[in-house]
Amino acid sequence: MLSSTVRLLMRSGSLLRPLIITARPLSIKPTLINLTEKRKTLINEIPRRWSHVHYTYPMIESRVMLLLRLFDKIDSNSLKLDSRFVQDLGLDSLDIVEITAALEDEFWTEIPDCDSDHFATPRHVIQYLCDKYDVYEHIEPISAGKEYLEEAKAAADRAHH
């Protein structure tokens, strides 16, 4: 019955013929996949951040404080390094999870839940990231340029005041 309907439509006009021809199912042809090439494309699709500048303490501190100032539920005037998230800033556990997700995006890292549960102040967050990236306050890396160091120190001074 279906085939007679299709034959009738094919005879009836040239306007319907392209619709019927394109409505055929696509033929699936088996193709051989070179696994090494597939692996290379998968590895190349992983986002990476390569940088010649290493993290410094002032850099981490200024980026964390900026991230916290831009968070909607935090009053930037009451934000200090030792402000407690729950007691002083009035955040709940969901807000801390959102801050942790923003930190993961900012620093391209993964922070386990057991570590983020111990974030009580911005200083704890900064110390955690410095420990993670082996950053020490008194050591400046060789790759950091003179202009960058001056900018980072100025940002650190602004963050303290």
C-alpha atoms as a PDB file:
ATOM      1  CA  MET A   1       0.000   0.000   0.000  1.00  0.00           C
ATOM      2  CA  LEU A   2       2.816   2.378   0.878  1.00  0.00           C
ATOM      3  CA  SER A   3       4.687   1.593  -2.308  1.00  0.00           C
ATOM      4  CA  SER A   4       1.617   2.360  -4.435  1.00  0.00           C
ATOM      5  CA  THR A   5       1.284   5.716  -2.697  1.00  0.00           C
ATOM      6  CA  VAL A   6       4.934   6.505  -3.340  1.00  0.00           C
ATOM      7  CA  ARG A   7       4.589   5.506  -7.039  1.00  0.00           C
ATOM      8  CA  LEU A   8       1.524   7.717  -7.380  1.00  0.00           C
ATOM      9  CA  LEU A   9       3.362  10.675  -5.849  1.00  0.00           C
ATOM     10  CA  MET A  10       6.409  10.078  -8.059  1.00  0.00           C
ATOM     11  CA  ARG A  11       4.248  10.199 -11.186  1.00  0.00           C
ATOM     12  CA  SER A  12       2.168  13.174 -10.087  1.00  0.00           C
ATOM     13  CA  GLY A  13       4.683  15.944 -10.414  1.00  0.00           C
ATOM     14  CA  SER A  14       8.260  17.000 -10.413  1.00  0.00           C
ATOM     15  CA  LEU A  15       7.730  19.261  -7.374  1.00  0.00           C
ATOM     16  CA  LEU A  16       7.175  16.315  -5.072  1.00  0.00           C
ATOM     17  CA  ARG A  17       9.991  14.189  -6.469  1.00  0.00           C
ATOM     18  CA  PRO A  18      12.854  16.056  -4.701  1.00  0.00           C
ATOM     19  CA  LEU A  19      11.024  15.765  -1.377  1.00  0.00           C
ATOM     20  CA  ILE A  20      10.592  12.031  -1.736  1.00  0.00           C
ATOM     21  CA  ILE A  21      14.155  11.469  -2.873  1.00  0.00           C
ATOM     22  CA  THR A  22      15.576  13.420   0.059  1.00  0.00           C
ATOM     23  CA  ALA A  23      13.306  11.586   2.487  1.00  0.00           C
ATOM     24  CA  ARG A  24      15.149   8.292   1.882  1.00  0.00           C
ATOM     25  CA  PRO A  25      17.149   7.007   4.809  1.00  0.00           C
ATOM     26  CA  LEU A  26      20.837   7.718   4.678  1.00  0.00           C
ATOM     27  CA  SER A  27      23.047   4.770   4.010  1.00  0.00           C
ATOM     28  CA  ILE A  28      25.514   4.100   6.784  1.00  0.00           C
ATOM     29  CA  LYS A  29      28.874   2.963   5.526  1.00  0.00           C
ATOM     30  CA  PRO A  30      31.317   1.432   7.959  1.00  0.00           C
ATOM     31  CA  THR A  31      34.512   3.419   8.207  1.00  0.00           C
ATOM     32  CA  LEU A  32      37.809   2.511   9.757  1.00  0.00           C
ATOM     33  CA  ILE A  33      38.983   4.898  12.449  1.00  0.00           C
ATOM     34  CA  ASN A  34      42.641   5.348  13.106  1.00  0.00           C
ATOM     35  CA  LEU A  35      42.732   5.266  16.897  1.00  0.00           C
ATOM     36  CA  THR A  36      45.929   7.262  17.202  1.00  0.00           C
ATOM     37  CA  GLU A  37      44.436  10.075  15.131  1.00  0.00           C
ATOM     38  CA  LYS A  38      41.225   9.964  17.171  1.00  0.00           C
ATOM     39  CA  ARG A  39      43.281  10.080  20.378  1.00  0.00           C
ATOM     40  CA  LYS A  40      45.248  13.083  19.125  1.00  0.00           C
ATOM     41  CA  THR A  41      42.084  15.017  18.345  1.00  0.00           C
ATOM     42  CA  LEU A  42      40.600  14.209  21.745  1.00  0.00           C
ATOM     43  CA  ILE A  43      43.752  15.324  23.538  1.00  0.00           C
ATOM     44  CA  ASN A  44      43.936  18.507  21.473  1.00  0.00           C
ATOM     45  CA  GLU A  45      40.344  19.383  22.412  1.00  0.00           C
ATOM     46  CA  ILE A  46      41.177  19.510  26.138  1.00  0.00           C
ATOM     47  CA  PRO A  47      41.402  23.161  27.170  1.00  0.00           C
ATOM     48  CA  ARG A  48      44.841  24.138  28.378  1.00  0.00           C
ATOM     49  CA  ARG A  49      46.343  27.287  29.728  1.00  0.00           C
ATOM     50  CA  TRP A  50      50.017  27.694  29.024  1.00  0.00           C
ATOM     51  CA  SER A  51      51.697  30.688  30.507  1.00  0.00           C
ATOM     52  CA  HIS A  52      55.272  31.759  30.978  1.00  0.00           C
ATOM     53  CA  VAL A  53      54.316  33.774  34.065  1.00  0.00           C
ATOM     54  CA  HIS A  54      54.089  31.760  37.263  1.00  0.00           C
ATOM     55  CA  TYR A  55      51.654  32.598  40.011  1.00  0.00           C
ATOM     56  CA  THR A  56      52.918  34.885  42.750  1.00  0.00           C
ATOM     57  CA  TYR A  57      51.398  35.540  46.157  1.00  0.00           C
ATOM     58  CA  PRO A  58      50.243  39.083  45.277  1.00  0.00           C
ATOM     59  CA  MET A  59      48.797  37.808  42.009  1.00  0.00           C
ATOM     60  CA  ILE A  60      46.756  35.066  43.689  1.00  0.00           C
ATOM     61  CA  GLU A  61      45.680  37.419  46.456  1.00  0.00           C
ATOM     62  CA  SER A  62      44.493  40.142  44.080  1.00  0.00           C
ATOM     63  CA  ARG A  63      42.643  37.681  41.826  1.00  0.00           C
ATOM     64  CA  VAL A  64      40.866  36.001  44.744  1.00  0.00           C
ATOM     65  CA  MET A  65      39.871  39.330  46.284  1.00  0.00           C
ATOM     66  CA  LEU A  66      38.623  40.626  42.930  1.00  0.00           C
ATOM     67  CA  LEU A  67      36.607  37.454  42.412  1.00  0.00           C
ATOM     68  CA  LEU A  68      35.055  37.839  45.852  1.00  0.00           C
ATOM     69  CA  ARG A  69      34.314  41.543  45.299  1.00  0.00           C
ATOM     70  CA  LEU A  70      32.494  40.690  42.077  1.00  0.00           C
ATOM     71  CA  PHE A  71      30.361  38.045  43.801  1.00  0.00           C
ATOM     72  CA  ASP A  72      26.791  39.352  44.057  1.00  0.00           C
ATOM     73  CA  LYS A  73      26.082  38.441  47.669  1.00  0.00           C
ATOM     74  CA  ILE A  74      29.246  39.950  49.153  1.00  0.00           C
ATOM     75  CA  ASP A  75      29.387  43.603  50.148  1.00  0.00           C
ATOM     76  CA  SER A  76      32.749  44.745  48.816  1.00  0.00           C
ATOM     77  CA  ASN A  77      33.085  47.376  51.550  1.00  0.00           C
ATOM     78  CA  SER A  78      32.961  44.780  54.324  1.00  0.00           C
ATOM     79  CA  LEU A  79      35.303  42.331  52.563  1.00  0.00           C
ATOM     80  CA  LYS A  80      38.690  41.937  54.263  1.00  0.00           C
ATOM     81  CA  LEU A  81      41.269  39.148  54.225  1.00  0.00           C
ATOM     82  CA  ASP A  82      40.069  37.858  57.584  1.00  0.00           C
ATOM     83  CA  SER A  83      36.317  38.319  57.016  1.00  0.00           C
ATOM     84  CA  ARG A  84      34.545  35.075  57.797  1.00  0.00           C
ATOM     85  CA  PHE A  85      32.255  33.953  54.998  1.00  0.00           C
ATOM     86  CA  VAL A  86      29.395  32.735  57.161  1.00  0.00           C
ATOM     87  CA  GLN A  87      29.505  34.986  60.235  1.00  0.00           C
ATOM     88  CA  ASP A  88      30.743  38.311  58.803  1.00  0.00           C
ATOM     89  CA  LEU A  89      29.563  38.180  55.180  1.00  0.00           C
ATOM     90  CA  GLY A  90      26.358  36.172  55.687  1.00  0.00           C
ATOM     91  CA  LEU A  91      27.038  33.476  53.087  1.00  0.00           C
ATOM     92  CA  ASP A  92      25.606  29.964  53.218  1.00  0.00           C
ATOM     93  CA  SER A  93      27.051  26.672  52.003  1.00  0.00           C
ATOM     94  CA  LEU A  94      25.595  27.065  48.492  1.00  0.00           C
ATOM     95  CA  ASP A  95      27.307  30.445  48.142  1.00  0.00           C
ATOM     96  CA  ILE A  96      30.619  28.870  49.119  1.00  0.00           C
ATOM     97  CA  VAL A  97      30.075  26.177  46.474  1.00  0.00           C
ATOM     98  CA  GLU A  98      29.467  28.910  43.878  1.00  0.00           C
ATOM     99  CA  ILE A  99      32.632  30.720  44.983  1.00  0.00           C
ATOM    100  CA  THR A 100      34.570  27.451  44.732  1.00  0.00           C
ATOM    101  CA  ALA A 101      33.275  26.886  41.190  1.00  0.00           C
ATOM    102  CA  ALA A 102      34.312  30.429  40.245  1.00  0.00           C
ATOM    103  CA  LEU A 103      37.766  29.818  41.739  1.00  0.00           C
ATOM    104  CA  GLU A 104      38.085  26.614  39.719  1.00  0.00           C
ATOM    105  CA  ASP A 105      37.249  28.521  36.547  1.00  0.00           C
ATOM    106  CA  GLU A 106      39.603  31.378  37.391  1.00  0.00           C
ATOM    107  CA  PHE A 107      42.623  29.259  38.272  1.00  0.00           C
ATOM    108  CA  TRP A 108      41.928  26.312  35.935  1.00  0.00           C
ATOM    109  CA  THR A 109      42.093  23.779  38.713  1.00  0.00           C
ATOM    110  CA  GLU A 110      39.840  21.387  40.533  1.00  0.00           C
ATOM    111  CA  ILE A 111      39.124  21.920  44.215  1.00  0.00           C
ATOM    112  CA  PRO A 112      37.744  18.860  46.005  1.00  0.00           C
ATOM    113  CA  ASP A 113      34.708  19.315  48.243  1.00  0.00           C
ATOM    114  CA  CYS A 114      36.632  18.162  51.299  1.00  0.00           C
ATOM    115  CA  ASP A 115      39.070  21.060  50.771  1.00  0.00           C
ATOM    116  CA  SER A 116      36.440  23.698  50.018  1.00  0.00           C
ATOM    117  CA  ASP A 117      34.620  22.792  53.243  1.00  0.00           C
ATOM    118  CA  HIS A 118      37.535  24.367  55.151  1.00  0.00           C
ATOM    119  CA  PHE A 119      37.302  27.740  53.381  1.00  0.00           C
ATOM    120  CA  ALA A 120      36.314  30.109  56.166  1.00  0.00           C
ATOM    121  CA  THR A 121      38.021  33.350  55.109  1.00  0.00           C
ATOM    122  CA  PRO A 122      39.588  34.753  51.936  1.00  0.00           C
ATOM    123  CA  ARG A 123      42.977  34.217  53.576  1.00  0.00           C
ATOM    124  CA  HIS A 124      42.256  30.462  53.770  1.00  0.00           C
ATOM    125  CA  VAL A 125      41.395  30.407  50.062  1.00  0.00           C
ATOM    126  CA  ILE A 126      44.570  32.293  49.155  1.00  0.00           C
ATOM    127  CA  GLN A 127      46.703  30.028  51.318  1.00  0.00           C
ATOM    128  CA  TYR A 128      45.115  26.925  49.776  1.00  0.00           C
ATOM    129  CA  LEU A 129      45.846  28.141  46.230  1.00  0.00           C
ATOM    130  CA  CYS A 130      49.396  29.148  47.160  1.00  0.00           C
ATOM    131  CA  ASP A 131      50.003  25.692  48.617  1.00  0.00           C
ATOM    132  CA  LYS A 132      48.524  24.077  45.532  1.00  0.00           C
ATOM    133  CA  TYR A 133      50.792  26.029  43.157  1.00  0.00           C
ATOM    134  CA  ASP A 134      53.886  26.016  45.421  1.00  0.00           C
ATOM    135  CA  VAL A 135      53.852  29.783  45.788  1.00  0.00           C
ATOM    136  CA  TYR A 136      55.735  31.374  48.656  1.00  0.00           C
ATOM    137  CA  GLU A 137      55.257  34.989  49.656  1.00  0.00           C
ATOM    138  CA  HIS A 138      58.934  35.879  49.843  1.00  0.00           C
ATOM    139  CA  ILE A 139      60.088  34.235  46.589  1.00  0.00           C
ATOM    140  CA  GLU A 140      59.465  35.926  43.249  1.00  0.00           C
ATOM    141  CA  PRO A 141      59.894  33.696  40.185  1.00  0.00           C
ATOM    142  CA  ILE A 142      62.513  34.550  37.597  1.00  0.00           C
ATOM    143  CA  SER A 143      59.977  34.526  34.764  1.00  0.00           C
ATOM    144  CA  ALA A 144      57.960  37.361  36.289  1.00  0.00           C
ATOM    145  CA  GLY A 145      58.926  40.598  34.576  1.00  0.00           C
ATOM    146  CA  LYS A 146      59.781  43.821  36.373  1.00  0.00           C
ATOM    147  CA  GLU A 147      56.613  45.593  35.186  1.00  0.00           C
ATOM    148  CA  TYR A 148      54.449  42.689  36.283  1.00  0.00           C
ATOM    149  CA  LEU A 149      55.986  42.624  39.761  1.00  0.00           C
ATOM    150  CA  GLU A 150      55.374  46.347  40.221  1.00  0.00           C
ATOM    151  CA  GLU A 151      51.758  45.927  39.089  1.00  0.00           C
ATOM    152  CA  ALA A 152      51.244  42.950  41.427  1.00  0.00           C
ATOM    153  CA  LYS A 153      52.682  44.848  44.402  1.00  0.00           C
ATOM    154  CA  ALA A 154      50.451  47.846  43.654  1.00  0.00           C
ATOM    155  CA  ALA A 155      47.427  45.523  43.480  1.00  0.00           C
ATOM    156  CA  ALA A 156      48.422  43.955  46.791  1.00  0.00           C
ATOM    157  CA  ASP A 157      48.694  47.396  48.401  1.00  0.00           C
ATOM    158  CA  ARG A 158      45.240  48.311  47.087  1.00  0.00           C
ATOM    159  CA  ALA A 159      43.818  45.050  48.444  1.00  0.00           C
ATOM    160  CA  HIS A 160      45.165  45.755  51.944  1.00  0.00           C
ATOM    161  CA  HIS A 161      43.639  49.262  52.072  1.00  0.00           C
END
